[in-house]
Amino acid sequence: MSGDQNYRFEDLPGMVVKLTKKVDMLLKHVTSVEQPERRMTIKEAGELIGVSSPTVHRYINYNDFPVHRNPGANPYCLESEVMEWVKCGKRRKKVS
């Protein structure tokens, strides 16, 4: 099915079936490729939820905030986990 060929009207139903199968295959491939999770700094996480970095660090110290730590690297947060934390109502919790 190149652009240089001439097709007859009778060929159209078969071509539509072939194109539909190719589109379905491509859609399966595109939807199966996962996007990497967005990593955020502590500062970015604080900006997202409307608090300062020291407040986020306090939440982390009280084990009340989703954070990831790798040896030799700065801690980071995943945006989806921070948003889930907010949805669960943890944002309203007071930290002394």
Protein backbone atom coordinates (compact mmCIF):
# COMPACT_ATOMS: atom_id res chain seq x y z
CA MET A 1 0.00 0.00 0.00
CA SER A 2 2.39 2.67 -1.18
CA GLY A 3 1.38 6.09 -2.44
CA ASP A 4 2.41 5.27 -6.04
CA GLN A 5 -0.19 2.58 -6.65
CA ASN A 6 -3.64 3.02 -8.10
CA TYR A 7 -6.41 1.19 -6.28
CA ARG A 8 -9.77 0.10 -7.49
CA PHE A 9 -12.96 0.80 -5.64
CA GLU A 10 -13.39 -2.95 -5.08
CA ASP A 11 -10.05 -3.00 -3.18
CA LEU A 12 -11.19 -0.49 -0.55
CA PRO A 13 -12.89 -2.87 1.92
CA GLY A 14 -9.79 -5.09 2.09
CA MET A 15 -7.52 -2.07 2.48
CA VAL A 16 -9.67 -0.71 5.30
CA VAL A 17 -9.39 -4.05 7.14
CA LYS A 18 -5.59 -4.04 6.74
CA LEU A 19 -5.32 -0.43 7.92
CA THR A 20 -7.57 -1.10 10.91
CA LYS A 21 -5.37 -4.02 11.97
CA LYS A 22 -2.22 -1.92 11.65
CA VAL A 23 -3.74 0.95 13.63
CA ASP A 24 -4.87 -1.46 16.38
CA MET A 25 -1.36 -2.92 16.56
CA LEU A 26 0.21 0.53 16.80
CA LEU A 27 -2.24 1.64 19.49
CA LYS A 28 -1.44 -1.44 21.59
CA HIS A 29 2.26 -0.66 21.29
CA VAL A 30 1.86 3.01 22.15
CA THR A 31 -0.33 2.35 25.20
CA SER A 32 1.98 -0.40 26.45
CA VAL A 33 4.96 1.96 26.62
CA GLU A 34 4.91 3.47 30.10
CA GLN A 35 6.02 6.99 30.75
CA PRO A 36 8.64 7.35 33.47
CA GLU A 37 7.36 8.64 36.78
CA ARG A 38 8.07 12.33 37.35
CA ARG A 39 10.60 12.80 40.13
CA MET A 40 10.38 15.94 42.22
CA THR A 41 12.77 17.64 44.59
CA ILE A 42 11.64 18.34 48.14
CA LYS A 43 11.24 22.00 47.16
CA GLU A 44 9.05 21.09 44.15
CA ALA A 45 6.93 18.79 46.31
CA GLY A 46 6.44 21.61 48.81
CA GLU A 47 5.43 24.01 46.04
CA LEU A 48 2.96 21.45 44.72
CA ILE A 49 1.20 21.08 48.07
CA GLY A 50 1.63 24.70 49.16
CA VAL A 51 4.11 24.37 52.02
CA SER A 52 7.77 25.26 52.52
CA SER A 53 10.69 22.87 52.13
CA PRO A 54 11.30 22.78 55.91
CA THR A 55 7.67 21.71 56.40
CA VAL A 56 8.10 18.89 53.89
CA HIS A 57 11.28 17.84 55.73
CA ARG A 58 9.28 17.81 58.97
CA TYR A 59 6.64 15.57 57.36
CA ILE A 60 9.45 13.28 56.19
CA ASN A 61 11.04 13.18 59.65
CA TYR A 62 7.69 12.09 61.09
CA ASN A 63 7.44 9.37 58.40
CA ASP A 64 4.34 11.10 57.11
CA PHE A 65 5.37 11.89 53.56
CA PRO A 66 6.21 9.73 50.53
CA VAL A 67 9.94 10.12 49.90
CA HIS A 68 12.64 8.01 48.24
CA ARG A 69 16.28 8.00 49.26
CA ASN A 70 19.20 6.61 47.30
CA PRO A 71 22.65 6.45 48.92
CA GLY A 72 24.74 9.38 47.76
CA ALA A 73 21.81 11.19 46.15
CA ASN A 74 19.31 13.80 47.25
CA PRO A 75 15.93 12.50 48.41
CA TYR A 76 13.15 12.79 45.86
CA CYS A 77 9.39 12.40 45.66
CA LEU A 78 7.22 10.90 42.95
CA GLU A 79 4.49 13.24 41.81
CA SER A 80 1.82 10.51 41.75
CA GLU A 81 2.63 9.51 45.35
CA VAL A 82 2.49 13.11 46.55
CA MET A 83 -0.87 13.58 44.83
CA GLU A 84 -2.16 10.35 46.40
CA TRP A 85 -0.90 11.59 49.79
CA VAL A 86 -2.93 14.78 49.30
CA LYS A 87 -6.03 12.83 48.19
CA CYS A 88 -5.87 10.68 51.31
CA GLY A 89 -6.24 13.80 53.43
CA LYS A 90 -2.76 13.67 54.93
CA ARG A 91 -2.19 17.31 53.95
CA ARG A 92 -4.49 18.49 56.72
CA LYS A 93 -2.56 16.67 59.44
CA LYS A 94 -0.74 19.02 61.79
CA VAL A 95 2.92 18.44 62.53
CA SER A 96 4.34 19.76 65.79
